[in-house]
Structures are given as structure tokens and as C-alpha cells.
Amino acid sequence: MFKSAGGRSTKRTWHQHVVPYEGDWAVRREGNKRITSKHRKQSTAIRKAKSLARKYKADVIIHRQDGTIRDRISFDD
């Protein structure tokens, strides 16, 4: 649990975002500034994000090149 600026505690999630990154694609855990992994193709990044999300029963949020969300896949049984 982390304390937010308002003093409330917020639970970190394991949701994985597939985002454009330096001309390639990256997987980034929700709330993290640093990326988890970098990939040349979006499909490879999606595969990696799915494997992490499955492990932690989380979601994969897939972004378009412009940063908008194009899809969300849930693995939260």
C-alpha cells in the first residue's frame, strides 16, 4: 500500500500497458515510470504483457501509436 498525496492508501496494480516508446514498443507496469521491456514490434510487446498479466491476474492495456487506448484484455479470473 502506498500513501497518495491526499493521505489515502492506494493499492498498486500489476496491469501491463503496451505503449509506443522511442520508435519501438514497450511494456510498462501501471504506475511505473520505467519500462519493463522494449520490443521492435507491437505484437511481441503484447505477447510479453499478456504473459506478465496472466501471472499476476491483471489486465493488458494496448495503446495505439498516438497513445490512445485501442484494447484491454483482462486476466483476472
PDB file of N, CA and C in Angstrom:
ATOM      1  N   MET A   1       0.833  -1.175   0.000  1.00  0.00           N
ATOM      2  CA  MET A   1       0.000   0.000   0.000  1.00  0.00           C
ATOM      3  C   MET A   1       0.881   1.243   0.000  1.00  0.00           C
ATOM      4  N   PHE A   2       0.489   2.196  -0.792  1.00  0.00           N
ATOM      5  CA  PHE A   2       1.214   3.453  -0.877  1.00  0.00           C
ATOM      6  C   PHE A   2       0.292   4.580  -0.463  1.00  0.00           C
ATOM      7  N   LYS A   3       0.846   5.588   0.137  1.00  0.00           N
ATOM      8  CA  LYS A   3       0.061   6.762   0.524  1.00  0.00           C
ATOM      9  C   LYS A   3       0.075   7.754  -0.641  1.00  0.00           C
ATOM     10  N   SER A   4      -1.099   8.197  -1.028  1.00  0.00           N
ATOM     11  CA  SER A   4      -1.169   9.219  -2.066  1.00  0.00           C
ATOM     12  C   SER A   4      -1.064  10.583  -1.406  1.00  0.00           C
ATOM     13  N   ALA A   5      -1.005  11.626  -2.212  1.00  0.00           N
ATOM     14  CA  ALA A   5      -0.858  12.988  -1.686  1.00  0.00           C
ATOM     15  C   ALA A   5      -1.997  13.341  -0.732  1.00  0.00           C
ATOM     16  N   GLY A   6      -3.172  12.791  -0.972  1.00  0.00           N
ATOM     17  CA  GLY A   6      -4.316  13.081  -0.124  1.00  0.00           C
ATOM     18  C   GLY A   6      -4.336  12.279   1.161  1.00  0.00           C
ATOM     19  N   GLY A   7      -3.331  11.425   1.372  1.00  0.00           N
ATOM     20  CA  GLY A   7      -3.275  10.647   2.590  1.00  0.00           C
ATOM     21  C   GLY A   7      -3.980   9.311   2.495  1.00  0.00           C
ATOM     22  N   ARG A   8      -4.724   9.088   1.405  1.00  0.00           N
ATOM     23  CA  ARG A   8      -5.391   7.787   1.242  1.00  0.00           C
ATOM     24  C   ARG A   8      -4.369   6.761   0.771  1.00  0.00           C
ATOM     25  N   SER A   9      -4.560   5.515   1.153  1.00  0.00           N
ATOM     26  CA  SER A   9      -3.648   4.490   0.652  1.00  0.00           C
ATOM     27  C   SER A   9      -4.225   3.915  -0.635  1.00  0.00           C
ATOM     28  N   THR A  10      -3.346   3.703  -1.598  1.00  0.00           N
ATOM     29  CA  THR A  10      -3.767   3.152  -2.890  1.00  0.00           C
ATOM     30  C   THR A  10      -2.997   1.867  -3.149  1.00  0.00           C
ATOM     31  N   LYS A  11      -3.690   0.887  -3.668  1.00  0.00           N
ATOM     32  CA  LYS A  11      -3.074  -0.402  -3.951  1.00  0.00           C
ATOM     33  C   LYS A  11      -2.469  -0.373  -5.351  1.00  0.00           C
ATOM     34  N   ARG A  12      -1.227  -0.783  -5.475  1.00  0.00           N
ATOM     35  CA  ARG A  12      -0.588  -0.852  -6.789  1.00  0.00           C
ATOM     36  C   ARG A  12      -1.153  -2.038  -7.548  1.00  0.00           C
ATOM     37  N   THR A  13      -1.329  -1.860  -8.834  1.00  0.00           N
ATOM     38  CA  THR A  13      -1.831  -2.951  -9.667  1.00  0.00           C
ATOM     39  C   THR A  13      -0.695  -3.523 -10.502  1.00  0.00           C
ATOM     40  N   TRP A  14      -0.958  -4.662 -11.096  1.00  0.00           N
ATOM     41  CA  TRP A  14       0.009  -5.292 -11.996  1.00  0.00           C
ATOM     42  C   TRP A  14      -0.414  -5.119 -13.449  1.00  0.00           C
ATOM     43  N   HIS A  15      -1.366  -4.220 -13.732  1.00  0.00           N
ATOM     44  CA  HIS A  15      -1.799  -4.005 -15.109  1.00  0.00           C
ATOM     45  C   HIS A  15      -0.600  -3.624 -15.973  1.00  0.00           C
ATOM     46  N   GLN A  16      -0.536  -4.217 -17.155  1.00  0.00           N
ATOM     47  CA  GLN A  16       0.582  -4.006 -18.075  1.00  0.00           C
ATOM     48  C   GLN A  16       0.112  -3.176 -19.265  1.00  0.00           C
ATOM     49  N   HIS A  17       0.810  -2.089 -19.546  1.00  0.00           N
ATOM     50  CA  HIS A  17       0.476  -1.233 -20.681  1.00  0.00           C
ATOM     51  C   HIS A  17       1.476  -1.472 -21.805  1.00  0.00           C
ATOM     52  N   VAL A  18       0.972  -1.637 -23.022  1.00  0.00           N
ATOM     53  CA  VAL A  18       1.810  -1.719 -24.222  1.00  0.00           C
ATOM     54  C   VAL A  18       1.764  -0.327 -24.845  1.00  0.00           C
ATOM     55  N   VAL A  19       2.909   0.364 -24.837  1.00  0.00           N
ATOM     56  CA  VAL A  19       2.954   1.769 -25.226  1.00  0.00           C
ATOM     57  C   VAL A  19       4.046   2.028 -26.270  1.00  0.00           C
ATOM     58  N   PRO A  20       3.842   3.059 -27.119  1.00  0.00           N
ATOM     59  CA  PRO A  20       4.919   3.443 -28.033  1.00  0.00           C
ATOM     60  C   PRO A  20       6.090   4.012 -27.231  1.00  0.00           C
ATOM     61  N   TYR A  21       7.323   3.676 -27.654  1.00  0.00           N
ATOM     62  CA  TYR A  21       8.498   4.097 -26.887  1.00  0.00           C
ATOM     63  C   TYR A  21       9.710   4.212 -27.802  1.00  0.00           C
ATOM     64  N   GLU A  22      10.186   5.428 -27.997  1.00  0.00           N
ATOM     65  CA  GLU A  22      11.399   5.691 -28.795  1.00  0.00           C
ATOM     66  C   GLU A  22      11.370   4.995 -30.158  1.00  0.00           C
ATOM     67  N   GLY A  23      10.251   5.086 -30.855  1.00  0.00           N
ATOM     68  CA  GLY A  23      10.140   4.480 -32.183  1.00  0.00           C
ATOM     69  C   GLY A  23       9.830   2.995 -32.172  1.00  0.00           C
ATOM     70  N   ASP A  24       9.821   2.392 -31.007  1.00  0.00           N
ATOM     71  CA  ASP A  24       9.502   0.972 -30.856  1.00  0.00           C
ATOM     72  C   ASP A  24       8.277   0.853 -29.944  1.00  0.00           C
ATOM     73  N   TRP A  25       8.166  -0.305 -29.286  1.00  0.00           N
ATOM     74  CA  TRP A  25       7.062  -0.562 -28.357  1.00  0.00           C
ATOM     75  C   TRP A  25       7.630  -1.029 -27.036  1.00  0.00           C
ATOM     76  N   ALA A  26       6.940  -0.705 -25.961  1.00  0.00           N
ATOM     77  CA  ALA A  26       7.412  -1.104 -24.637  1.00  0.00           C
ATOM     78  C   ALA A  26       6.258  -1.632 -23.804  1.00  0.00           C
ATOM     79  N   VAL A  27       6.619  -2.450 -22.824  1.00  0.00           N
ATOM     80  CA  VAL A  27       5.677  -2.908 -21.807  1.00  0.00           C
ATOM     81  C   VAL A  27       6.034  -2.139 -20.543  1.00  0.00           C
ATOM     82  N   ARG A  28       5.019  -1.539 -19.933  1.00  0.00           N
ATOM     83  CA  ARG A  28       5.234  -0.756 -18.715  1.00  0.00           C
ATOM     84  C   ARG A  28       4.147  -1.102 -17.709  1.00  0.00           C
ATOM     85  N   ARG A  29       4.550  -1.420 -16.488  1.00  0.00           N
ATOM     86  CA  ARG A  29       3.580  -1.696 -15.425  1.00  0.00           C
ATOM     87  C   ARG A  29       2.875  -0.395 -15.056  1.00  0.00           C
ATOM     88  N   GLU A  30       1.582  -0.479 -14.836  1.00  0.00           N
ATOM     89  CA  GLU A  30       0.805   0.709 -14.491  1.00  0.00           C
ATOM     90  C   GLU A  30       1.396   1.398 -13.268  1.00  0.00           C
ATOM     91  N   GLY A  31       1.608   2.694 -13.384  1.00  0.00           N
ATOM     92  CA  GLY A  31       2.161   3.467 -12.282  1.00  0.00           C
ATOM     93  C   GLY A  31       3.672   3.604 -12.304  1.00  0.00           C
ATOM     94  N   ASN A  32       4.355   2.810 -13.127  1.00  0.00           N
ATOM     95  CA  ASN A  32       5.814   2.880 -13.211  1.00  0.00           C
ATOM     96  C   ASN A  32       6.246   3.924 -14.228  1.00  0.00           C
ATOM     97  N   LYS A  33       7.374   4.566 -13.948  1.00  0.00           N
ATOM     98  CA  LYS A  33       7.972   5.472 -14.929  1.00  0.00           C
ATOM     99  C   LYS A  33       8.876   4.693 -15.874  1.00  0.00           C
ATOM    100  N   ARG A  34       9.576   3.699 -15.342  1.00  0.00           N
ATOM    101  CA  ARG A  34      10.493   2.896 -16.159  1.00  0.00           C
ATOM    102  C   ARG A  34       9.740   1.781 -16.866  1.00  0.00           C
ATOM    103  N   ILE A  35      10.257   1.405 -18.040  1.00  0.00           N
ATOM    104  CA  ILE A  35       9.626   0.321 -18.799  1.00  0.00           C
ATOM    105  C   ILE A  35      10.109  -1.028 -18.273  1.00  0.00           C
ATOM    106  N   THR A  36       9.301  -2.052 -18.529  1.00  0.00           N
ATOM    107  CA  THR A  36       9.660  -3.421 -18.169  1.00  0.00           C
ATOM    108  C   THR A  36      10.502  -4.047 -19.274  1.00  0.00           C
ATOM    109  N   SER A  37      10.082  -3.819 -20.542  1.00  0.00           N
ATOM    110  CA  SER A  37      10.814  -4.367 -21.682  1.00  0.00           C
ATOM    111  C   SER A  37      10.514  -3.544 -22.929  1.00  0.00           C
ATOM    112  N   LYS A  38      11.438  -3.600 -23.905  1.00  0.00           N
ATOM    113  CA  LYS A  38      11.311  -2.847 -25.158  1.00  0.00           C
ATOM    114  C   LYS A  38      11.315  -3.838 -26.320  1.00  0.00           C
ATOM    115  N   HIS A  39      10.457  -3.590 -27.335  1.00  0.00           N
ATOM    116  CA  HIS A  39      10.303  -4.529 -28.450  1.00  0.00           C
ATOM    117  C   HIS A  39      10.192  -3.763 -29.770  1.00  0.00           C
ATOM    118  N   ARG A  40      10.675  -4.362 -30.847  1.00  0.00           N
ATOM    119  CA  ARG A  40      10.563  -3.736 -32.168  1.00  0.00           C
ATOM    120  C   ARG A  40       9.140  -3.761 -32.686  1.00  0.00           C
ATOM    121  N   LYS A  41       8.412  -4.852 -32.377  1.00  0.00           N
ATOM    122  CA  LYS A  41       7.048  -4.995 -32.893  1.00  0.00           C
ATOM    123  C   LYS A  41       6.031  -4.950 -31.751  1.00  0.00           C
ATOM    124  N   GLN A  42       4.875  -4.360 -32.040  1.00  0.00           N
ATOM    125  CA  GLN A  42       3.820  -4.281 -31.027  1.00  0.00           C
ATOM    126  C   GLN A  42       3.352  -5.681 -30.640  1.00  0.00           C
ATOM    127  N   SER A  43       3.285  -6.583 -31.609  1.00  0.00           N
ATOM    128  CA  SER A  43       2.794  -7.937 -31.322  1.00  0.00           C
ATOM    129  C   SER A  43       3.687  -8.654 -30.304  1.00  0.00           C
ATOM    130  N   THR A  44       4.988  -8.422 -30.372  1.00  0.00           N
ATOM    131  CA  THR A  44       5.913  -9.031 -29.411  1.00  0.00           C
ATOM    132  C   THR A  44       5.712  -8.434 -28.031  1.00  0.00           C
ATOM    133  N   ALA A  45       5.509  -7.124 -27.979  1.00  0.00           N
ATOM    134  CA  ALA A  45       5.256  -6.453 -26.697  1.00  0.00           C
ATOM    135  C   ALA A  45       3.952  -6.959 -26.076  1.00  0.00           C
ATOM    136  N   ILE A  46       2.937  -7.160 -26.916  1.00  0.00           N
ATOM    137  CA  ILE A  46       1.648  -7.667 -26.423  1.00  0.00           C
ATOM    138  C   ILE A  46       1.822  -9.062 -25.830  1.00  0.00           C
ATOM    139  N   ARG A  47       2.591  -9.908 -26.505  1.00  0.00           N
ATOM    140  CA  ARG A  47       2.829 -11.269 -26.011  1.00  0.00           C
ATOM    141  C   ARG A  47       3.488 -11.235 -24.627  1.00  0.00           C
ATOM    142  N   LYS A  48       4.489 -10.375 -24.460  1.00  0.00           N
ATOM    143  CA  LYS A  48       5.185 -10.243 -23.172  1.00  0.00           C
ATOM    144  C   LYS A  48       4.227  -9.717 -22.094  1.00  0.00           C
ATOM    145  N   ALA A  49       3.433  -8.701 -22.447  1.00  0.00           N
ATOM    146  CA  ALA A  49       2.485  -8.114 -21.489  1.00  0.00           C
ATOM    147  C   ALA A  49       1.443  -9.147 -21.064  1.00  0.00           C
ATOM    148  N   LYS A  50       0.969  -9.953 -22.012  1.00  0.00           N
ATOM    149  CA  LYS A  50      -0.019 -10.990 -21.685  1.00  0.00           C
ATOM    150  C   LYS A  50       0.559 -12.002 -20.707  1.00  0.00           C
ATOM    151  N   SER A  51       1.810 -12.381 -20.919  1.00  0.00           N
ATOM    152  CA  SER A  51       2.420 -13.376 -20.039  1.00  0.00           C
ATOM    153  C   SER A  51       2.551 -12.819 -18.616  1.00  0.00           C
ATOM    154  N   LEU A  52       2.923 -11.547 -18.470  1.00  0.00           N
ATOM    155  CA  LEU A  52       3.004 -10.930 -17.137  1.00  0.00           C
ATOM    156  C   LEU A  52       1.617 -10.781 -16.511  1.00  0.00           C
ATOM    157  N   ALA A  53       0.650 -10.342 -17.298  1.00  0.00           N
ATOM    158  CA  ALA A  53      -0.709 -10.133 -16.781  1.00  0.00           C
ATOM    159  C   ALA A  53      -1.330 -11.452 -16.337  1.00  0.00           C
ATOM    160  N   ARG A  54      -1.089 -12.516 -17.097  1.00  0.00           N
ATOM    161  CA  ARG A  54      -1.608 -13.834 -16.735  1.00  0.00           C
ATOM    162  C   ARG A  54      -1.027 -14.265 -15.384  1.00  0.00           C
ATOM    163  N   LYS A  55       0.273 -14.049 -15.209  1.00  0.00           N
ATOM    164  CA  LYS A  55       0.971 -14.436 -13.981  1.00  0.00           C
ATOM    165  C   LYS A  55       0.411 -13.706 -12.756  1.00  0.00           C
ATOM    166  N   TYR A  56       0.094 -12.418 -12.922  1.00  0.00           N
ATOM    167  CA  TYR A  56      -0.357 -11.602 -11.793  1.00  0.00           C
ATOM    168  C   TYR A  56      -1.858 -11.333 -11.788  1.00  0.00           C
ATOM    169  N   LYS A  57      -2.599 -12.039 -12.660  1.00  0.00           N
ATOM    170  CA  LYS A  57      -4.055 -11.871 -12.760  1.00  0.00           C
ATOM    171  C   LYS A  57      -4.434 -10.398 -12.913  1.00  0.00           C
ATOM    172  N   ALA A  58      -3.882  -9.792 -13.941  1.00  0.00           N
ATOM    173  CA  ALA A  58      -4.073  -8.361 -14.192  1.00  0.00           C
ATOM    174  C   ALA A  58      -4.588  -8.150 -15.612  1.00  0.00           C
ATOM    175  N   ASP A  59      -4.598  -6.899 -16.060  1.00  0.00           N
ATOM    176  CA  ASP A  59      -5.068  -6.550 -17.399  1.00  0.00           C
ATOM    177  C   ASP A  59      -3.905  -6.120 -18.289  1.00  0.00           C
ATOM    178  N   VAL A  60      -4.119  -6.255 -19.586  1.00  0.00           N
ATOM    179  CA  VAL A  60      -3.198  -5.699 -20.587  1.00  0.00           C
ATOM    180  C   VAL A  60      -3.944  -4.556 -21.253  1.00  0.00           C
ATOM    181  N   ILE A  61      -3.350  -3.383 -21.247  1.00  0.00           N
ATOM    182  CA  ILE A  61      -3.948  -2.220 -21.905  1.00  0.00           C
ATOM    183  C   ILE A  61      -3.057  -1.887 -23.094  1.00  0.00           C
ATOM    184  N   ILE A  62      -3.615  -2.021 -24.298  1.00  0.00           N
ATOM    185  CA  ILE A  62      -2.841  -1.819 -25.528  1.00  0.00           C
ATOM    186  C   ILE A  62      -3.126  -0.422 -26.069  1.00  0.00           C
ATOM    187  N   HIS A  63      -2.060   0.336 -26.278  1.00  0.00           N
ATOM    188  CA  HIS A  63      -2.178   1.703 -26.790  1.00  0.00           C
ATOM    189  C   HIS A  63      -1.839   1.748 -28.280  1.00  0.00           C
ATOM    190  N   ARG A  64      -2.415   2.726 -28.971  1.00  0.00           N
ATOM    191  CA  ARG A  64      -2.060   2.994 -30.368  1.00  0.00           C
ATOM    192  C   ARG A  64      -0.771   3.822 -30.394  1.00  0.00           C
ATOM    193  N   GLN A  65      -0.253   4.038 -31.597  1.00  0.00           N
ATOM    194  CA  GLN A  65       0.954   4.835 -31.778  1.00  0.00           C
ATOM    195  C   GLN A  65       0.776   6.250 -31.210  1.00  0.00           C
ATOM    196  N   ASP A  66      -0.452   6.785 -31.261  1.00  0.00           N
ATOM    197  CA  ASP A  66      -0.697   8.140 -30.750  1.00  0.00           C
ATOM    198  C   ASP A  66      -0.953   8.167 -29.239  1.00  0.00           C
ATOM    199  N   GLY A  67      -0.883   7.003 -28.593  1.00  0.00           N
ATOM    200  CA  GLY A  67      -1.029   6.938 -27.141  1.00  0.00           C
ATOM    201  C   GLY A  67      -2.437   6.631 -26.650  1.00  0.00           C
ATOM    202  N   THR A  68      -3.441   6.718 -27.535  1.00  0.00           N
ATOM    203  CA  THR A  68      -4.803   6.398 -27.111  1.00  0.00           C
ATOM    204  C   THR A  68      -4.940   4.889 -26.922  1.00  0.00           C
ATOM    205  N   ILE A  69      -5.903   4.486 -26.115  1.00  0.00           N
ATOM    206  CA  ILE A  69      -6.108   3.058 -25.836  1.00  0.00           C
ATOM    207  C   ILE A  69      -6.907   2.418 -26.957  1.00  0.00           C
ATOM    208  N   ARG A  70      -6.412   1.279 -27.458  1.00  0.00           N
ATOM    209  CA  ARG A  70      -7.138   0.574 -28.521  1.00  0.00           C
ATOM    210  C   ARG A  70      -7.799  -0.704 -28.038  1.00  0.00           C
ATOM    211  N   ASP A  71      -7.286  -1.288 -26.938  1.00  0.00           N
ATOM    212  CA  ASP A  71      -7.866  -2.551 -26.457  1.00  0.00           C
ATOM    213  C   ASP A  71      -7.447  -2.794 -25.010  1.00  0.00           C
ATOM    214  N   ARG A  72      -8.259  -3.590 -24.322  1.00  0.00           N
ATOM    215  CA  ARG A  72      -7.948  -4.000 -22.952  1.00  0.00           C
ATOM    216  C   ARG A  72      -8.307  -5.475 -22.827  1.00  0.00           C
ATOM    217  N   ILE A  73      -7.370  -6.265 -22.323  1.00  0.00           N
ATOM    218  CA  ILE A  73      -7.579  -7.706 -22.142  1.00  0.00           C
ATOM    219  C   ILE A  73      -7.424  -8.006 -20.653  1.00  0.00           C
ATOM    220  N   SER A  74      -8.412  -8.695 -20.094  1.00  0.00           N
ATOM    221  CA  SER A  74      -8.380  -8.978 -18.663  1.00  0.00           C
ATOM    222  C   SER A  74      -8.017 -10.437 -18.393  1.00  0.00           C
ATOM    223  N   PHE A  75      -7.117 -10.629 -17.424  1.00  0.00           N
ATOM    224  CA  PHE A  75      -6.719 -11.973 -16.984  1.00  0.00           C
ATOM    225  C   PHE A  75      -7.005 -12.160 -15.498  1.00  0.00           C
ATOM    226  N   ASP A  76      -8.022 -11.480 -14.977  1.00  0.00           N
ATOM    227  CA  ASP A  76      -8.267 -11.515 -13.536  1.00  0.00           C
ATOM    228  C   ASP A  76      -9.283 -12.589 -13.137  1.00  0.00           C
ATOM    229  N   ASP A  77      -9.147 -13.757 -13.690  1.00  0.00           N
ATOM    230  CA  ASP A  77     -10.009 -14.929 -13.431  1.00  0.00           C
ATOM    231  C   ASP A  77     -11.205 -14.586 -12.606  1.00  0.00           C
TER     232      ASP A  77
END
